Each structure stands twice: as structure tokens, then as C-alpha cells.
Protein backbone atom coordinates (compact mmCIF):
# COMPACT_ATOMS: atom_id res chain seq x y z
CA MET A 1 111.28 111.76 57.31
CA LYS A 2 109.49 109.76 59.99
CA VAL A 3 108.19 106.34 58.81
CA TYR A 4 105.52 104.67 60.96
CA PHE A 5 104.65 101.04 60.28
CA LEU A 6 100.98 100.33 60.89
CA GLY A 7 100.79 96.62 60.10
CA HIS A 8 100.70 94.45 56.96
CA ALA A 9 101.73 96.89 54.26
CA THR A 10 100.39 100.10 55.77
CA PHE A 11 102.63 103.07 56.52
CA LYS A 12 102.30 106.68 57.65
CA LEU A 13 105.01 109.13 56.60
CA GLU A 14 105.65 112.45 58.20
CA THR A 15 107.77 114.74 56.13
CA GLY A 16 107.85 118.53 56.45
CA ASN A 17 104.26 119.57 57.16
CA CYS A 18 102.74 116.62 55.33
CA ARG A 19 101.29 113.32 56.55
CA ILE A 20 101.06 110.57 54.02
CA LEU A 21 99.35 107.21 54.31
CA ILE A 22 100.28 104.22 52.13
CA ASP A 23 97.80 101.39 51.60
CA PRO A 24 95.62 102.30 54.58
CA PHE A 25 94.23 98.89 55.63
CA PHE A 26 92.86 99.24 59.16
CA THR A 27 89.36 97.71 59.28
CA GLY A 28 89.76 93.97 59.46
CA ASN A 29 93.52 94.10 59.70
CA PRO A 30 94.64 91.69 62.46
CA GLN A 31 98.21 93.09 62.31
CA THR A 32 97.48 96.67 63.26
CA ASN A 33 96.85 98.31 66.58
CA ALA A 34 95.62 101.53 64.85
CA SER A 35 92.20 102.40 63.47
CA ALA A 36 90.93 104.44 60.47
CA ASP A 37 89.36 106.92 62.86
CA GLU A 38 92.71 107.74 64.40
CA GLN A 39 94.20 108.79 61.01
CA THR A 40 93.81 112.58 61.27
CA GLY A 41 95.63 115.43 59.54
CA ILE A 42 96.29 113.21 56.47
CA ASP A 43 97.26 115.14 53.40
CA TYR A 44 97.98 112.37 50.91
CA ILE A 45 97.02 108.69 50.53
CA LEU A 46 99.00 106.39 48.17
CA ILE A 47 97.44 103.21 46.92
CA THR A 48 99.67 100.58 45.36
CA HIS A 49 96.79 98.48 43.91
CA GLY A 50 93.15 97.69 44.20
CA HIS A 51 93.03 94.71 46.53
CA SER A 52 91.06 95.19 49.73
CA ASP A 53 94.01 94.71 52.06
CA HIS A 54 95.63 97.74 50.39
CA ILE A 55 92.91 100.09 49.25
CA GLY A 56 91.40 99.39 52.61
CA ASP A 57 89.89 102.44 54.37
CA CYS A 58 91.02 104.89 51.70
CA VAL A 59 87.57 106.25 50.82
CA SER A 60 86.47 107.03 54.40
CA ILE A 61 89.80 108.54 55.35
CA ALA A 62 90.16 110.61 52.17
CA ARG A 63 86.63 111.89 52.39
CA ARG A 64 86.95 112.94 56.03
CA GLU A 65 90.41 114.42 55.78
CA LYS A 66 89.97 115.89 52.28
CA ALA A 67 93.20 114.15 51.42
CA MET A 68 94.59 113.80 47.88
CA VAL A 69 94.80 110.16 46.65
CA ILE A 70 97.70 109.10 44.46
CA ALA A 71 97.17 105.85 42.55
CA ASN A 72 97.07 104.48 39.04
CA PHE A 73 94.65 105.94 36.49
CA GLU A 74 92.07 103.24 36.89
CA ILE A 75 91.92 103.32 40.66
CA CYS A 76 91.69 107.11 40.61
CA ASN A 77 88.69 106.80 38.30
CA TYR A 78 87.09 104.24 40.58
CA LEU A 79 87.61 106.47 43.60
CA SER A 80 86.07 109.35 41.77
CA THR A 81 82.84 107.37 41.46
CA LYS A 82 82.90 107.19 45.26
CA GLY A 83 82.78 110.94 45.51
CA LEU A 84 86.52 111.62 45.99
CA GLU A 85 87.40 114.76 44.13
CA LYS A 86 91.09 115.09 44.98
CA VAL A 87 92.82 112.33 43.08
CA HIS A 88 96.10 112.29 41.18
CA PRO A 89 96.60 109.50 38.63
CA LEU A 90 100.09 108.13 38.00
CA HIS A 91 101.20 105.12 36.01
CA LEU A 92 104.23 102.79 35.91
CA GLY A 93 107.40 104.78 35.40
CA GLY A 94 105.56 108.07 35.85
CA LYS A 95 106.87 110.66 38.32
CA HIS A 96 105.30 113.84 39.67
CA LYS A 97 106.38 116.58 42.05
CA PHE A 98 104.06 117.33 44.98
CA ASP A 99 104.48 119.91 47.69
CA PHE A 100 106.26 117.44 49.94
CA GLY A 101 108.57 116.02 47.27
CA LYS A 102 108.55 113.57 44.34
CA VAL A 103 106.64 110.26 43.79
CA LYS A 104 107.47 107.79 41.12
CA MET A 105 105.30 104.71 40.50
CA THR A 106 107.46 101.59 40.06
CA PRO A 107 106.59 98.27 38.47
CA ALA A 108 105.06 95.39 40.46
CA ILE A 109 104.07 91.95 39.32
CA HIS A 110 100.69 91.25 40.86
CA GLY A 111 96.95 91.86 40.34
CA SER A 112 94.78 94.91 41.12
CA GLY A 113 91.19 93.89 40.71
CA ILE A 114 88.68 95.61 43.04
CA PHE A 115 86.13 93.15 44.40
CA GLU A 116 82.80 94.88 44.89
CA ASP A 117 79.20 93.62 44.83
CA ASN A 118 80.32 90.11 43.87
CA LYS A 119 82.14 91.29 40.81
CA ILE A 120 85.72 92.28 39.88
CA ILE A 121 86.28 95.87 38.76
CA TYR A 122 89.38 96.44 36.71
CA GLY A 123 91.98 98.13 38.86
CA GLY A 124 94.74 98.81 36.31
CA ASN A 125 98.33 97.79 36.84
CA PRO A 126 99.69 97.24 40.31
CA GLY A 127 102.77 99.20 41.36
CA GLY A 128 105.07 100.41 44.11
CA PHE A 129 106.23 103.87 45.06
CA LEU A 130 109.53 105.59 45.20
CA ILE A 131 109.05 108.63 47.41
CA GLU A 132 111.74 111.29 47.63
CA ALA A 133 111.45 114.04 50.30
CA GLU A 134 113.81 115.85 52.65
CA GLN A 135 116.73 114.43 50.54
CA VAL A 136 115.89 110.83 51.42
CA LYS A 137 114.26 108.03 49.41
CA PHE A 138 111.69 105.55 50.67
CA TYR A 139 110.67 102.66 48.42
CA HIS A 140 107.42 100.81 49.02
CA ALA A 141 107.45 97.77 46.70
CA GLY A 142 103.74 97.10 46.96
CA ASP A 143 102.71 93.54 46.37
CA THR A 144 105.09 91.96 43.93
CA GLY A 145 107.14 89.00 42.95
CA LEU A 146 110.81 89.28 42.23
CA THR A 147 111.31 91.22 39.04
CA VAL A 148 114.26 92.15 36.84
CA GLU A 149 112.94 95.80 36.79
CA MET A 150 114.34 96.04 40.27
CA GLN A 151 117.71 96.49 38.63
CA LEU A 152 116.54 99.95 37.69
CA LEU A 153 116.59 100.82 41.42
CA GLN A 154 120.32 100.31 41.60
CA GLU A 155 121.07 103.96 40.84
CA GLU A 156 118.47 105.36 43.15
CA ASN A 157 120.51 105.09 46.40
CA ILE A 158 117.43 104.12 48.42
CA ASN A 159 117.63 104.92 52.08
CA LEU A 160 114.80 102.65 53.23
CA ALA A 161 112.87 99.92 51.41
CA ALA A 162 109.74 98.04 52.42
CA LEU A 163 109.59 94.60 50.83
CA PRO A 164 106.99 91.84 51.06
CA ILE A 165 108.29 88.53 52.35
CA GLY A 166 105.08 86.47 52.87
CA GLY A 167 105.27 84.30 49.78
CA ASN A 168 102.25 82.78 47.91
CA PHE A 169 100.97 86.15 46.58
CA VAL A 170 104.30 88.02 46.73
CA MET A 171 108.03 87.38 47.21
CA ASP A 172 109.02 84.94 49.88
CA VAL A 173 112.04 85.50 52.18
CA GLU A 174 114.53 84.15 49.68
CA ASP A 175 113.28 86.17 46.75
CA ALA A 176 113.00 89.35 48.90
CA PHE A 177 116.64 88.75 49.81
CA ARG A 178 117.53 88.45 46.14
CA ALA A 179 115.79 91.84 45.63
CA VAL A 180 117.94 93.34 48.33
CA LYS A 181 121.03 92.00 46.64
CA ILE A 182 119.94 93.63 43.39
CA PHE A 183 119.56 97.24 44.50
CA LYS A 184 121.14 97.34 47.95
CA PRO A 185 119.06 99.78 50.05
CA GLN A 186 120.68 101.25 53.16
CA GLN A 187 117.91 99.70 55.31
CA VAL A 188 115.03 97.40 54.68
CA ILE A 189 111.73 96.59 56.43
CA PRO A 190 109.97 93.19 55.86
CA ILE A 191 106.17 93.59 55.26
CA HIS A 192 103.13 91.65 54.05
CA TYR A 193 103.59 88.57 56.22
CA ASP A 194 101.75 86.73 59.01
CA THR A 195 98.54 88.66 58.38
CA PHE A 196 96.87 85.55 57.07
CA PRO A 197 97.99 81.92 57.51
CA VAL A 198 98.89 81.53 53.83
CA ILE A 199 101.53 84.31 54.10
CA LYS A 200 103.23 83.16 57.22
CA ALA A 201 107.04 83.90 57.14
CA ASP A 202 110.08 84.36 59.39
CA PRO A 203 111.28 87.96 59.46
CA GLN A 204 114.29 87.03 61.58
CA LYS A 205 115.47 84.70 58.83
CA PHE A 206 115.18 87.61 56.40
CA LYS A 207 117.00 89.89 58.81
CA GLN A 208 119.84 87.40 59.13
CA LEU A 209 120.18 87.04 55.37
CA VAL A 210 120.24 90.76 54.50
CA GLU A 211 122.47 91.82 57.46
CA GLY A 212 124.87 89.18 56.19
CA ILE A 213 125.47 91.30 53.17
CA GLY A 214 125.76 94.56 55.09
CA VAL A 215 122.17 95.91 54.76
CA LYS A 216 120.44 96.92 57.95
CA CYS A 217 117.12 95.20 58.54
CA VAL A 218 114.49 96.63 60.94
CA VAL A 219 111.73 94.24 61.92
CA MET A 220 108.82 96.58 62.88
CA LYS A 221 105.63 96.07 64.83
CA SER A 222 102.52 98.11 64.35
CA GLY A 223 103.08 101.57 65.74
CA ASP A 224 106.89 101.41 65.47
CA MET A 225 108.65 104.40 63.94
CA ILE A 226 111.97 104.80 62.14
CA GLU A 227 113.47 108.13 61.07
CA ILE A 228 115.57 108.44 57.95
């Protein structure tokens, strides 16, 4: 599996013959050097929750690429009203097998309201994703605070985890480190920091902490790729 970091909390995965986007936030994202128009050949789009810096350019990309969107039930219903016909609803703890592998929606402590036309549309429960393909596991935590449910990940033998470290809306460096200590992934990528002033954080401090307990930390810039 090839894992491309595209800034903030946006990833592109290439596994087998599939290309998968997670939280495709391109337009208005100061932390990416990619654009929505460049996202071609996309088969699936995974949305962790309804906030604009995560649902992002989902509608335009999915419509153009005829990609299937995987999200919670409420977001899938919302996207259907935008003309997207290929949606697959999941909910917390739910798992489904797709042609590239398995996706399980994991708990996250956050919000999911979709802001549109000066009102909030209910976006269901936020979540993360545990993606299993090519005999490896990639965990995208979504936007979340530290939660005891992360103990359930201890038996998953996660190869690579993407964890928010920006604080304020999500875990900060110290709580993300506590999360790593809970479920011990082989490698971890810090995400969701420095995009806005309120979530400024030091990824090198996080790297020093997690590598101090034997977990490899990869600090990625937009466009960087890691293969697992």
C-alpha cells in the first residue's frame, strides 16, 4: 500500500488497482500543494466527519470520478441530496469488505455538523477508519480527542497510524503520545496541525516522544509518500 499525505488530514492510498482519498480538503487548504482537479482515477472517497476541512471537495471529485463515498449514514444521505448515487454508509464499529479490502469505522470524539447556507445540518457521529488491504492496516483517527476506545486497537497490529496533534479541537502532542502508548502502531504520522493558528503544534516534539518508546514517527509534507 502506498500512502500519500496531501496536507492537514488528507490522504491518498494506492492499493492494488484502487485509489482512495480520505478527507479530500484541497480548496482553501493552506497545507496542501495539490488540487481537487488533480485527483483523477479515484475509486473511493472516505469521509471521517462533516466539517468543511474534511468533507472538503468530496462532491466535485466524487461526481467527476464516479467514485464511491464511504461515510456515516447521515453524511451519505446528505451527499445523496447533492446528486451522488454511489455512497456506502457505515457507522461506528461497522465493518464492510470492498474490492480493495476491509474498512471499519472507529469511534472519534468530536463533532460532525455540516455548515451550509448559514445553518448546521446534522452530520451524524464523527469517526475514524481502520483500513485493511494487501495484508497491512492503516488507521486514520479522524478528528478526535484521546479516548479509552483506543484500547480496542491494541489487538489490531496497526502498521501505520495517522493521529491529530494540533490540540484545541483534537488531541494535542501529549495526548496523541498517550494514544500511541495505548495501541503501539509500528509507525505513526502526525496530522491536523499548523493549518490554522489555533492548531499550531510541534511535530518534532511528537516524533521525539514516540520514538522514545520504539515507535517510528514519519513527519510528512504535502506530496510525501510512504509505502507499507
